[in-house]
Protein backbone atom coordinates (compact mmCIF):
# COMPACT_ATOMS: atom_id res chain seq x y z
CA MET A 1 119.23 25.36 -41.51
CA LYS A 2 120.11 22.02 -41.45
CA SER A 3 122.62 21.83 -38.98
CA GLY A 4 120.59 23.94 -36.80
CA ALA A 5 117.92 21.38 -36.71
CA ALA A 6 120.42 18.58 -35.89
CA VAL A 7 121.35 20.72 -32.94
CA VAL A 8 118.05 21.37 -31.40
CA SER A 9 116.82 17.33 -31.95
CA GLN A 10 120.24 16.38 -30.15
CA ALA A 11 120.23 18.08 -27.35
CA PRO A 12 119.25 16.75 -24.11
CA GLY A 13 115.70 17.11 -22.08
CA CYS A 14 112.33 18.09 -23.05
CA PRO A 15 111.64 19.53 -26.52
CA GLU A 16 111.37 22.99 -25.37
CA THR A 17 114.71 23.04 -23.15
CA ALA A 18 116.41 21.80 -26.51
CA ILE A 19 114.60 24.88 -28.61
CA ALA A 20 115.87 27.40 -26.33
CA SER A 21 118.52 26.24 -25.85
CA TRP A 22 119.44 26.68 -29.59
CA ILE A 23 117.44 29.96 -29.55
CA ARG A 24 119.94 31.82 -27.04
CA ARG A 25 122.77 30.20 -28.85
CA ALA A 26 121.68 31.84 -32.48
CA GLY A 27 121.39 34.87 -30.56
CA LEU A 28 117.48 34.96 -31.57
CA THR A 29 116.10 35.12 -27.57
CA ALA A 30 114.28 38.66 -28.29
CA PRO A 31 113.25 38.27 -31.67
CA ALA A 32 112.00 34.91 -31.12
CA LEU A 33 110.19 36.25 -27.63
CA LEU A 34 108.11 38.92 -29.37
CA TRP A 35 107.73 36.48 -32.04
CA LEU A 36 106.40 33.74 -30.09
CA ASP A 37 104.10 35.91 -27.69
CA SER A 38 102.81 38.19 -30.58
CA SER A 39 101.84 34.98 -32.37
CA ARG A 40 100.02 32.78 -29.17
CA PRO A 41 96.94 32.94 -30.32
CA LEU A 42 97.65 31.46 -33.82
CA SER A 43 100.30 28.89 -32.42
CA PHE A 44 98.37 25.84 -33.26
CA LEU A 45 97.47 26.60 -36.63
CA GLY A 46 101.19 27.24 -36.99
CA GLY A 47 102.28 23.75 -35.27
CA GLN A 48 99.88 22.56 -38.38
CA ALA A 49 101.47 24.30 -40.72
CA LEU A 50 104.88 23.00 -39.76
CA ARG A 51 103.29 19.47 -39.77
CA LEU A 52 102.19 19.89 -43.40
CA GLY A 53 105.49 20.88 -44.01
CA GLU A 54 107.00 17.59 -43.05
CA PRO A 55 107.52 15.42 -46.04
CA VAL A 56 109.44 18.55 -47.77
CA TRP A 57 111.21 18.95 -44.55
CA SER A 58 112.28 15.74 -44.47
CA LEU A 59 113.74 15.70 -47.58
CA PHE A 60 116.39 17.77 -46.48
CA GLY A 61 117.16 16.59 -42.98
CA SER A 62 115.51 14.56 -40.35
CA PRO A 63 112.38 16.20 -39.47
CA SER A 64 112.56 15.12 -35.48
CA ALA A 65 113.10 18.99 -34.61
CA LEU A 66 110.07 20.17 -36.97
CA LEU A 67 108.09 17.96 -35.34
CA ASP A 68 109.30 18.68 -31.86
CA LEU A 69 108.46 22.46 -32.75
CA ALA A 70 105.28 21.71 -34.09
CA ALA A 71 104.39 19.71 -31.05
CA VAL A 72 105.50 22.86 -28.56
CA LEU A 73 103.28 25.01 -30.80
CA GLU A 74 100.21 23.02 -31.01
CA ASP A 75 100.31 22.93 -26.71
CA ARG A 76 99.61 25.82 -24.99
CA THR A 77 100.93 24.71 -21.92
CA ARG A 78 104.61 23.93 -23.59
CA LEU A 79 104.42 27.12 -25.48
CA ASP A 80 104.19 29.18 -22.13
CA HIS A 81 106.95 26.61 -20.78
CA LEU A 82 109.24 27.71 -24.10
CA LEU A 83 108.65 31.38 -23.50
CA ASP A 84 109.18 30.60 -19.78
CA LEU A 85 112.49 29.31 -20.56
CA LEU A 86 113.74 32.03 -22.79
CA ASP A 87 112.45 34.88 -20.25
CA GLY A 88 114.14 33.46 -17.86
CA ALA A 89 111.52 32.83 -15.52
CA PRO A 90 111.53 29.74 -13.49
CA SER A 91 108.84 27.36 -14.66
CA GLU A 92 106.58 25.76 -12.24
CA ASP A 93 106.72 21.70 -12.30
CA VAL A 94 103.55 20.02 -12.75
CA THR A 95 103.47 16.29 -10.72
């Protein structure tokens, strides 16, 4: 799992793009869409739980990927953007 976290944190672009590309490479698009969409009401609590586990995760590798995922889960707009990226739908850019 340490190598997967490094791949996510090194991908170019925003964290949502990096997470989506890692999920696609792992072949987990359908399960990720199902899990993220069904747990949307509790996504903020999931992000907070990841932040709580960050000190332990840092013992095994870089916590940057974990913190990126936590930030995406805590923000509903970013979570929707991740779901759009996984679903293949074009996202709207807010300027």
